[in-house]
Amino acid sequence: MLSRFLLSFVALSLSTSAWAAHDHSDWNSLLKRNVVVTGGGTSSKVNYARFKTDRAKLKTYLDSTSSVSQATFNKWSKNDQLAFLINAYNAWTVELILTEYPNLKSIKDLGSIIRSPWKQKFIPLFGKTVSLDHIEHTLIRGSGRYNEPRIHFAVNCASIGCPALRNSAYRGNTLSAQLQTATKDFLRDRSRNRLKDGKLQVSNIFKWYRGDFEKGWRGAQNLNQFLAIYAGSLDLTKGQQAALKSGKIKVSFLSYDWRLNRIR
């Protein structure tokens, strides 16, 4: 009877371990060591030179993401899946920068006239070799599984114009709170989002991915309504919030700074 119980316990333990969320501790420690938060949390800079000295540890983490099978990934909760994809995207972006650092001024320097750096297939994932675009636009945005516009403030393109690369890894059990903080922090940055001369000037991210902000997340059916949710982060009064929500405040888009988000 006891042996049967022990066998059942072992089987349950093995089954549970297969469902466990991915371990992001290596990535978390790399971020804490190499990312400096600036602007009171609204932005960050990356120490790519020191990241190069930590490249073996980065490779260990990247290899761990590549070892995850599609079947294991499918067993995770949506939040664990999304945290995994965001962390993988950010970590592989850092690895892409390190392939040429310090001999580049922008991630765009890693592309060509016919192919952007985001379309380069160099990432082993789920048994395929994929690109950064595949992770973001196919697995995250294109899957129809997540409907989470705040991911645009979490995935990082290694540029000053991007939302901050956080100095901690995303985790499934805290994902919503982390995404909320990332969104609010980005919208608090007046170099990228501001009310000026009666118009709301915001990052080009809202132009490029406008459709993602208009799919009904928290009731937002258009971009103005999404931005109105974050009126506090944009320093809008209640009257301005109402005007924005009703479309009386026009939204325009600022140019994007593609320079590398490095510590100089």
C-alpha atoms as a PDB file:
ATOM      1  CA  MET A   1       0.000   0.000   0.000  1.00  0.00           C
ATOM      2  CA  LEU A   2       2.820   2.374   0.968  1.00  0.00           C
ATOM      3  CA  SER A   3       4.839   1.542  -2.155  1.00  0.00           C
ATOM      4  CA  ARG A   4       1.791   2.197  -4.331  1.00  0.00           C
ATOM      5  CA  PHE A   5       1.363   5.576  -2.624  1.00  0.00           C
ATOM      6  CA  LEU A   6       5.036   6.425  -3.191  1.00  0.00           C
ATOM      7  CA  LEU A   7       4.800   5.485  -6.865  1.00  0.00           C
ATOM      8  CA  SER A   8       1.715   7.661  -7.264  1.00  0.00           C
ATOM      9  CA  PHE A   9       3.477  10.544  -5.509  1.00  0.00           C
ATOM     10  CA  VAL A  10       6.532  10.240  -7.781  1.00  0.00           C
ATOM     11  CA  ALA A  11       4.341  10.119 -10.861  1.00  0.00           C
ATOM     12  CA  LEU A  12       2.430  13.199  -9.709  1.00  0.00           C
ATOM     13  CA  SER A  13       5.692  15.023  -8.977  1.00  0.00           C
ATOM     14  CA  LEU A  14       7.043  14.245 -12.426  1.00  0.00           C
ATOM     15  CA  SER A  15       3.799  15.382 -14.010  1.00  0.00           C
ATOM     16  CA  THR A  16       3.806  18.617 -11.997  1.00  0.00           C
ATOM     17  CA  SER A  17       7.443  19.381 -12.876  1.00  0.00           C
ATOM     18  CA  ALA A  18       6.574  19.174 -16.565  1.00  0.00           C
ATOM     19  CA  TRP A  19       4.013  21.914 -16.027  1.00  0.00           C
ATOM     20  CA  ALA A  20       6.308  24.163 -14.007  1.00  0.00           C
ATOM     21  CA  ALA A  21       7.015  27.623 -15.410  1.00  0.00           C
ATOM     22  CA  HIS A  22      10.356  28.238 -17.056  1.00  0.00           C
ATOM     23  CA  ASP A  23      13.234  29.281 -14.796  1.00  0.00           C
ATOM     24  CA  HIS A  24      14.178  32.890 -15.661  1.00  0.00           C
ATOM     25  CA  SER A  25      16.618  33.370 -12.766  1.00  0.00           C
ATOM     26  CA  ASP A  26      19.730  33.570 -14.988  1.00  0.00           C
ATOM     27  CA  TRP A  27      18.125  36.234 -17.164  1.00  0.00           C
ATOM     28  CA  ASN A  28      16.927  38.081 -14.074  1.00  0.00           C
ATOM     29  CA  SER A  29      20.429  38.256 -12.596  1.00  0.00           C
ATOM     30  CA  LEU A  30      21.897  39.380 -15.938  1.00  0.00           C
ATOM     31  CA  LEU A  31      19.370  42.204 -16.137  1.00  0.00           C
ATOM     32  CA  LYS A  32      20.040  43.344 -12.582  1.00  0.00           C
ATOM     33  CA  ARG A  33      23.777  43.426 -13.293  1.00  0.00           C
ATOM     34  CA  ASN A  34      23.718  45.060 -16.727  1.00  0.00           C
ATOM     35  CA  VAL A  35      20.656  47.323 -16.962  1.00  0.00           C
ATOM     36  CA  VAL A  36      20.581  50.759 -15.340  1.00  0.00           C
ATOM     37  CA  VAL A  37      17.141  52.292 -14.788  1.00  0.00           C
ATOM     38  CA  THR A  38      16.999  56.018 -15.573  1.00  0.00           C
ATOM     39  CA  GLY A  39      14.451  58.827 -15.547  1.00  0.00           C
ATOM     40  CA  GLY A  40      12.797  57.578 -12.395  1.00  0.00           C
ATOM     41  CA  GLY A  41      11.864  54.324 -14.111  1.00  0.00           C
ATOM     42  CA  THR A  42      10.731  55.769 -17.447  1.00  0.00           C
ATOM     43  CA  SER A  43      13.793  54.549 -19.349  1.00  0.00           C
ATOM     44  CA  SER A  44      16.917  52.423 -19.040  1.00  0.00           C
ATOM     45  CA  LYS A  45      20.394  51.980 -20.446  1.00  0.00           C
ATOM     46  CA  VAL A  46      22.216  48.745 -21.091  1.00  0.00           C
ATOM     47  CA  ASN A  47      25.824  47.975 -20.292  1.00  0.00           C
ATOM     48  CA  TYR A  48      26.524  45.914 -23.416  1.00  0.00           C
ATOM     49  CA  ALA A  49      30.258  45.894 -22.715  1.00  0.00           C
ATOM     50  CA  ARG A  50      29.678  44.086 -19.424  1.00  0.00           C
ATOM     51  CA  PHE A  51      27.026  41.894 -21.045  1.00  0.00           C
ATOM     52  CA  LYS A  52      29.812  40.663 -23.325  1.00  0.00           C
ATOM     53  CA  THR A  53      31.784  39.495 -20.315  1.00  0.00           C
ATOM     54  CA  ASP A  54      28.635  37.693 -19.131  1.00  0.00           C
ATOM     55  CA  ARG A  55      28.001  36.103 -22.504  1.00  0.00           C
ATOM     56  CA  ALA A  56      28.518  32.543 -21.273  1.00  0.00           C
ATOM     57  CA  LYS A  57      25.742  33.006 -18.711  1.00  0.00           C
ATOM     58  CA  LEU A  58      23.559  34.609 -21.369  1.00  0.00           C
ATOM     59  CA  LYS A  59      24.170  31.612 -23.624  1.00  0.00           C
ATOM     60  CA  THR A  60      23.132  29.282 -20.805  1.00  0.00           C
ATOM     61  CA  TYR A  61      19.833  31.123 -20.513  1.00  0.00           C
ATOM     62  CA  LEU A  62      19.300  31.238 -24.277  1.00  0.00           C
ATOM     63  CA  ASP A  63      20.008  27.513 -24.514  1.00  0.00           C
ATOM     64  CA  SER A  64      17.413  26.930 -21.813  1.00  0.00           C
ATOM     65  CA  THR A  65      14.770  28.750 -23.869  1.00  0.00           C
ATOM     66  CA  SER A  66      15.702  26.729 -26.934  1.00  0.00           C
ATOM     67  CA  SER A  67      15.357  23.468 -24.999  1.00  0.00           C
ATOM     68  CA  VAL A  68      11.665  24.099 -24.262  1.00  0.00           C
ATOM     69  CA  SER A  69       9.455  21.931 -26.426  1.00  0.00           C
ATOM     70  CA  GLN A  70       6.190  23.085 -27.953  1.00  0.00           C
ATOM     71  CA  ALA A  71       4.377  20.436 -25.901  1.00  0.00           C
ATOM     72  CA  THR A  72       5.819  21.757 -22.626  1.00  0.00           C
ATOM     73  CA  PHE A  73       5.073  25.367 -23.597  1.00  0.00           C
ATOM     74  CA  ASN A  74       1.462  24.437 -24.388  1.00  0.00           C
ATOM     75  CA  LYS A  75       0.959  23.115 -20.850  1.00  0.00           C
ATOM     76  CA  TRP A  76       1.834  26.430 -19.215  1.00  0.00           C
ATOM     77  CA  SER A  77      -0.667  29.101 -18.249  1.00  0.00           C
ATOM     78  CA  LYS A  78      -1.134  32.009 -20.663  1.00  0.00           C
ATOM     79  CA  ASN A  79       0.810  34.301 -18.341  1.00  0.00           C
ATOM     80  CA  ASP A  80       3.724  31.873 -18.092  1.00  0.00           C
ATOM     81  CA  GLN A  81       3.736  31.514 -21.871  1.00  0.00           C
ATOM     82  CA  LEU A  82       3.708  35.245 -22.438  1.00  0.00           C
ATOM     83  CA  ALA A  83       6.420  35.916 -19.850  1.00  0.00           C
ATOM     84  CA  PHE A  84       8.572  33.273 -21.539  1.00  0.00           C
ATOM     85  CA  LEU A  85       8.126  34.817 -24.996  1.00  0.00           C
ATOM     86  CA  ILE A  86       8.832  38.367 -23.777  1.00  0.00           C
ATOM     87  CA  ASN A  87      11.992  37.292 -21.944  1.00  0.00           C
ATOM     88  CA  ALA A  88      13.155  35.220 -24.895  1.00  0.00           C
ATOM     89  CA  TYR A  89      12.625  38.142 -27.276  1.00  0.00           C
ATOM     90  CA  ASN A  90      14.576  40.542 -25.060  1.00  0.00           C
ATOM     91  CA  ALA A  91      17.407  38.116 -24.364  1.00  0.00           C
ATOM     92  CA  TRP A  92      17.853  37.201 -28.035  1.00  0.00           C
ATOM     93  CA  THR A  93      17.815  40.898 -28.924  1.00  0.00           C
ATOM     94  CA  VAL A  94      20.722  41.466 -26.543  1.00  0.00           C
ATOM     95  CA  GLU A  95      22.541  38.519 -28.115  1.00  0.00           C
ATOM     96  CA  LEU A  96      21.990  40.010 -31.584  1.00  0.00           C
ATOM     97  CA  ILE A  97      23.502  43.319 -30.461  1.00  0.00           C
ATOM     98  CA  LEU A  98      26.501  41.538 -28.949  1.00  0.00           C
ATOM     99  CA  THR A  99      27.352  39.904 -32.287  1.00  0.00           C
ATOM    100  CA  GLU A 100      28.676  43.277 -33.513  1.00  0.00           C
ATOM    101  CA  TYR A 101      29.022  45.428 -30.397  1.00  0.00           C
ATOM    102  CA  PRO A 102      30.690  47.937 -30.051  1.00  0.00           C
ATOM    103  CA  ASN A 103      30.838  48.463 -33.806  1.00  0.00           C
ATOM    104  CA  LEU A 104      27.280  49.669 -34.264  1.00  0.00           C
ATOM    105  CA  LYS A 105      25.239  52.738 -33.400  1.00  0.00           C
ATOM    106  CA  SER A 106      21.799  51.223 -33.894  1.00  0.00           C
ATOM    107  CA  ILE A 107      20.180  47.803 -34.134  1.00  0.00           C
ATOM    108  CA  LYS A 108      19.307  48.832 -37.678  1.00  0.00           C
ATOM    109  CA  ASP A 109      23.015  48.587 -38.541  1.00  0.00           C
ATOM    110  CA  LEU A 110      22.593  44.815 -38.276  1.00  0.00           C
ATOM    111  CA  GLY A 111      20.144  44.746 -41.154  1.00  0.00           C
ATOM    112  CA  SER A 112      20.417  45.369 -44.856  1.00  0.00           C
ATOM    113  CA  ILE A 113      18.429  47.027 -47.628  1.00  0.00           C
ATOM    114  CA  ILE A 114      16.544  43.815 -48.320  1.00  0.00           C
ATOM    115  CA  ARG A 115      16.188  42.387 -44.789  1.00  0.00           C
ATOM    116  CA  SER A 116      15.696  44.029 -41.422  1.00  0.00           C
ATOM    117  CA  PRO A 117      17.478  42.678 -38.314  1.00  0.00           C
ATOM    118  CA  TRP A 118      14.107  41.596 -36.963  1.00  0.00           C
ATOM    119  CA  LYS A 119      13.603  39.217 -39.893  1.00  0.00           C
ATOM    120  CA  GLN A 120      16.921  37.400 -39.479  1.00  0.00           C
ATOM    121  CA  LYS A 121      16.367  33.761 -38.579  1.00  0.00           C
ATOM    122  CA  PHE A 122      18.892  32.966 -35.855  1.00  0.00           C
ATOM    123  CA  ILE A 123      16.802  31.845 -32.874  1.00  0.00           C
ATOM    124  CA  PRO A 124      16.340  28.105 -32.158  1.00  0.00           C
ATOM    125  CA  LEU A 125      12.837  27.852 -30.704  1.00  0.00           C
ATOM    126  CA  PHE A 126      10.300  25.027 -30.587  1.00  0.00           C
ATOM    127  CA  GLY A 127      12.306  22.966 -33.049  1.00  0.00           C
ATOM    128  CA  LYS A 128      12.591  25.709 -35.662  1.00  0.00           C
ATOM    129  CA  THR A 129      14.981  28.548 -36.428  1.00  0.00           C
ATOM    130  CA  VAL A 130      12.981  31.756 -36.189  1.00  0.00           C
ATOM    131  CA  SER A 131      13.356  35.537 -36.121  1.00  0.00           C
ATOM    132  CA  LEU A 132      12.539  38.200 -33.570  1.00  0.00           C
ATOM    133  CA  ASP A 133       9.604  39.167 -35.774  1.00  0.00           C
ATOM    134  CA  HIS A 134       8.318  35.604 -35.544  1.00  0.00           C
ATOM    135  CA  ILE A 135       8.315  35.753 -31.747  1.00  0.00           C
ATOM    136  CA  GLU A 136       6.587  39.126 -31.591  1.00  0.00           C
ATOM    137  CA  HIS A 137       4.244  39.120 -34.554  1.00  0.00           C
ATOM    138  CA  THR A 138       3.428  35.415 -34.932  1.00  0.00           C
ATOM    139  CA  LEU A 139       3.730  33.839 -31.495  1.00  0.00           C
ATOM    140  CA  ILE A 140       2.619  36.818 -29.390  1.00  0.00           C
ATOM    141  CA  ARG A 141       0.510  39.172 -31.502  1.00  0.00           C
ATOM    142  CA  GLY A 142      -0.546  36.818 -34.263  1.00  0.00           C
ATOM    143  CA  SER A 143      -1.600  33.883 -32.140  1.00  0.00           C
ATOM    144  CA  GLY A 144      -4.861  35.526 -31.036  1.00  0.00           C
ATOM    145  CA  ARG A 145      -4.276  33.929 -27.657  1.00  0.00           C
ATOM    146  CA  TYR A 146      -3.205  36.856 -25.516  1.00  0.00           C
ATOM    147  CA  ASN A 147      -4.896  40.128 -26.635  1.00  0.00           C
ATOM    148  CA  GLU A 148      -2.396  42.011 -24.511  1.00  0.00           C
ATOM    149  CA  PRO A 149      -1.459  45.420 -25.985  1.00  0.00           C
ATOM    150  CA  ARG A 150       0.820  46.181 -23.053  1.00  0.00           C
ATOM    151  CA  ILE A 151       3.421  43.784 -24.474  1.00  0.00           C
ATOM    152  CA  HIS A 152       4.569  46.733 -26.605  1.00  0.00           C
ATOM    153  CA  PHE A 153       6.000  48.270 -23.443  1.00  0.00           C
ATOM    154  CA  ALA A 154       7.788  45.038 -22.488  1.00  0.00           C
ATOM    155  CA  VAL A 155       9.496  43.761 -25.657  1.00  0.00           C
ATOM    156  CA  ASN A 156      12.611  45.836 -26.223  1.00  0.00           C
ATOM    157  CA  CYS A 157      14.261  46.693 -29.551  1.00  0.00           C
ATOM    158  CA  ALA A 158      17.551  47.931 -28.036  1.00  0.00           C
ATOM    159  CA  SER A 159      16.833  51.549 -28.975  1.00  0.00           C
ATOM    160  CA  ILE A 160      16.433  54.805 -27.064  1.00  0.00           C
ATOM    161  CA  GLY A 161      12.944  55.221 -28.501  1.00  0.00           C
ATOM    162  CA  CYS A 162      11.845  51.878 -27.057  1.00  0.00           C
ATOM    163  CA  PRO A 163      10.159  51.448 -23.723  1.00  0.00           C
ATOM    164  CA  ALA A 164      12.692  50.583 -21.042  1.00  0.00           C
ATOM    165  CA  LEU A 165      14.335  47.200 -20.864  1.00  0.00           C
ATOM    166  CA  ARG A 166      13.404  46.351 -17.296  1.00  0.00           C
ATOM    167  CA  ASN A 167      16.122  45.303 -14.868  1.00  0.00           C
ATOM    168  CA  SER A 168      14.184  42.194 -13.848  1.00  0.00           C
ATOM    169  CA  ALA A 169      12.719  39.275 -15.764  1.00  0.00           C
ATOM    170  CA  TYR A 170       9.020  38.948 -16.494  1.00  0.00           C
ATOM    171  CA  ARG A 171       7.285  36.151 -14.594  1.00  0.00           C
ATOM    172  CA  GLY A 172       3.898  34.589 -15.105  1.00  0.00           C
ATOM    173  CA  ASN A 173       2.712  35.034 -11.533  1.00  0.00           C
ATOM    174  CA  THR A 174       3.395  38.786 -11.576  1.00  0.00           C
ATOM    175  CA  LEU A 175       3.014  39.480 -15.293  1.00  0.00           C
ATOM    176  CA  SER A 176      -0.055  41.730 -15.293  1.00  0.00           C
ATOM    177  CA  ALA A 177       1.384  43.988 -12.588  1.00  0.00           C
ATOM    178  CA  GLN A 178       4.737  44.134 -14.399  1.00  0.00           C
ATOM    179  CA  LEU A 179       3.086  45.044 -17.691  1.00  0.00           C
ATOM    180  CA  GLN A 180       1.008  47.700 -15.974  1.00  0.00           C
ATOM    181  CA  THR A 181       4.106  49.256 -14.428  1.00  0.00           C
ATOM    182  CA  ALA A 182       5.967  49.146 -17.759  1.00  0.00           C
ATOM    183  CA  THR A 183       3.054  50.853 -19.531  1.00  0.00           C
ATOM    184  CA  LYS A 184       2.663  53.590 -16.925  1.00  0.00           C
ATOM    185  CA  ASP A 185       6.398  54.232 -16.798  1.00  0.00           C
ATOM    186  CA  PHE A 186       6.638  54.591 -20.562  1.00  0.00           C
ATOM    187  CA  LEU A 187       3.699  56.980 -20.711  1.00  0.00           C
ATOM    188  CA  ARG A 188       5.245  59.086 -17.932  1.00  0.00           C
ATOM    189  CA  ASP A 189       8.216  59.876 -20.188  1.00  0.00           C
ATOM    190  CA  ARG A 190       7.586  63.380 -21.564  1.00  0.00           C
ATOM    191  CA  SER A 191      10.255  62.981 -24.230  1.00  0.00           C
ATOM    192  CA  ARG A 192       8.028  60.370 -25.869  1.00  0.00           C
ATOM    193  CA  ASN A 193       4.485  61.121 -24.700  1.00  0.00           C
ATOM    194  CA  ARG A 194       3.167  64.593 -23.877  1.00  0.00           C
ATOM    195  CA  LEU A 195       0.260  67.003 -24.172  1.00  0.00           C
ATOM    196  CA  LYS A 196       1.375  70.054 -26.143  1.00  0.00           C
ATOM    197  CA  ASP A 197      -0.636  72.875 -27.700  1.00  0.00           C
ATOM    198  CA  GLY A 198      -3.864  70.986 -27.114  1.00  0.00           C
ATOM    199  CA  LYS A 199      -2.665  67.831 -28.886  1.00  0.00           C
ATOM    200  CA  LEU A 200      -1.461  64.607 -27.380  1.00  0.00           C
ATOM    201  CA  GLN A 201       1.887  63.710 -28.917  1.00  0.00           C
ATOM    202  CA  VAL A 202       2.790  60.062 -28.368  1.00  0.00           C
ATOM    203  CA  SER A 203       5.371  57.518 -29.458  1.00  0.00           C
ATOM    204  CA  ASN A 204       5.236  56.061 -32.945  1.00  0.00           C
ATOM    205  CA  ILE A 205       4.601  52.709 -31.266  1.00  0.00           C
ATOM    206  CA  PHE A 206       0.962  53.779 -31.054  1.00  0.00           C
ATOM    207  CA  LYS A 207       0.918  54.393 -34.803  1.00  0.00           C
ATOM    208  CA  TRP A 208       2.675  51.192 -35.843  1.00  0.00           C
ATOM    209  CA  TYR A 209       0.541  48.959 -33.631  1.00  0.00           C
ATOM    210  CA  ARG A 210      -2.601  51.029 -33.423  1.00  0.00           C
ATOM    211  CA  GLY A 211      -4.820  48.051 -34.118  1.00  0.00           C
ATOM    212  CA  ASP A 212      -3.582  46.261 -31.006  1.00  0.00           C
ATOM    213  CA  PHE A 213      -4.797  49.133 -28.835  1.00  0.00           C
ATOM    214  CA  GLU A 214      -8.244  49.098 -30.438  1.00  0.00           C
ATOM    215  CA  LYS A 215      -9.321  45.499 -29.805  1.00  0.00           C
ATOM    216  CA  GLY A 216     -11.404  46.145 -26.717  1.00  0.00           C
ATOM    217  CA  TRP A 217      -8.769  45.685 -24.025  1.00  0.00           C
ATOM    218  CA  ARG A 218     -10.422  47.053 -20.855  1.00  0.00           C
ATOM    219  CA  GLY A 219     -13.172  48.434 -23.061  1.00  0.00           C
ATOM    220  CA  ALA A 220     -10.920  50.525 -25.331  1.00  0.00           C
ATOM    221  CA  GLN A 221     -12.324  50.483 -28.866  1.00  0.00           C
ATOM    222  CA  ASN A 222      -9.943  53.111 -30.234  1.00  0.00           C
ATOM    223  CA  LEU A 223      -6.522  54.553 -29.454  1.00  0.00           C
ATOM    224  CA  ASN A 224      -7.893  57.622 -27.657  1.00  0.00           C
ATOM    225  CA  GLN A 225      -9.847  55.414 -25.280  1.00  0.00           C
ATOM    226  CA  PHE A 226      -6.779  53.283 -24.547  1.00  0.00           C
ATOM    227  CA  LEU A 227      -4.667  56.343 -23.786  1.00  0.00           C
ATOM    228  CA  ALA A 228      -7.451  57.755 -21.616  1.00  0.00           C
ATOM    229  CA  ILE A 229      -7.103  54.716 -19.337  1.00  0.00           C
ATOM    230  CA  TYR A 230      -3.648  56.056 -18.478  1.00  0.00           C
ATOM    231  CA  ALA A 231      -4.626  59.692 -18.012  1.00  0.00           C
ATOM    232  CA  GLY A 232      -2.770  59.811 -14.710  1.00  0.00           C
ATOM    233  CA  SER A 233       0.519  58.728 -16.301  1.00  0.00           C
ATOM    234  CA  LEU A 234       0.010  61.334 -19.019  1.00  0.00           C
ATOM    235  CA  ASP A 235      -0.700  64.065 -16.422  1.00  0.00           C
ATOM    236  CA  LEU A 236      -4.156  64.744 -17.845  1.00  0.00           C
ATOM    237  CA  THR A 237      -6.901  66.370 -15.815  1.00  0.00           C
ATOM    238  CA  LYS A 238     -10.299  64.701 -15.592  1.00  0.00           C
ATOM    239  CA  GLY A 239     -11.572  67.172 -18.175  1.00  0.00           C
ATOM    240  CA  GLN A 240      -8.718  66.385 -20.543  1.00  0.00           C
ATOM    241  CA  GLN A 241      -9.250  62.680 -19.996  1.00  0.00           C
ATOM    242  CA  ALA A 242     -12.913  63.028 -20.982  1.00  0.00           C
ATOM    243  CA  ALA A 243     -11.978  65.126 -24.025  1.00  0.00           C
ATOM    244  CA  LEU A 244      -9.395  62.552 -25.098  1.00  0.00           C
ATOM    245  CA  LYS A 245     -11.828  59.691 -24.665  1.00  0.00           C
ATOM    246  CA  SER A 246     -14.472  61.449 -26.753  1.00  0.00           C
ATOM    247  CA  GLY A 247     -11.990  62.287 -29.504  1.00  0.00           C
ATOM    248  CA  LYS A 248     -11.877  66.026 -28.858  1.00  0.00           C
ATOM    249  CA  ILE A 249      -8.138  65.881 -28.215  1.00  0.00           C
ATOM    250  CA  LYS A 250      -6.222  64.911 -31.341  1.00  0.00           C
ATOM    251  CA  VAL A 251      -3.374  62.431 -31.198  1.00  0.00           C
ATOM    252  CA  SER A 252      -0.182  62.835 -33.219  1.00  0.00           C
ATOM    253  CA  PHE A 253       2.972  60.732 -33.338  1.00  0.00           C
ATOM    254  CA  LEU A 254       6.564  61.642 -32.532  1.00  0.00           C
ATOM    255  CA  SER A 255       9.643  60.522 -34.446  1.00  0.00           C
ATOM    256  CA  TYR A 256      11.448  57.452 -33.127  1.00  0.00           C
ATOM    257  CA  ASP A 257      15.007  57.426 -31.820  1.00  0.00           C
ATOM    258  CA  TRP A 258      16.748  54.309 -33.154  1.00  0.00           C
ATOM    259  CA  ARG A 259      20.099  54.973 -31.460  1.00  0.00           C
ATOM    260  CA  LEU A 260      21.373  52.120 -29.323  1.00  0.00           C
ATOM    261  CA  ASN A 261      20.192  52.230 -25.692  1.00  0.00           C
ATOM    262  CA  ARG A 262      23.711  51.762 -24.367  1.00  0.00           C
ATOM    263  CA  ILE A 263      25.592  53.233 -21.451  1.00  0.00           C
ATOM    264  CA  ARG A 264      28.051  55.684 -23.004  1.00  0.00           C
END
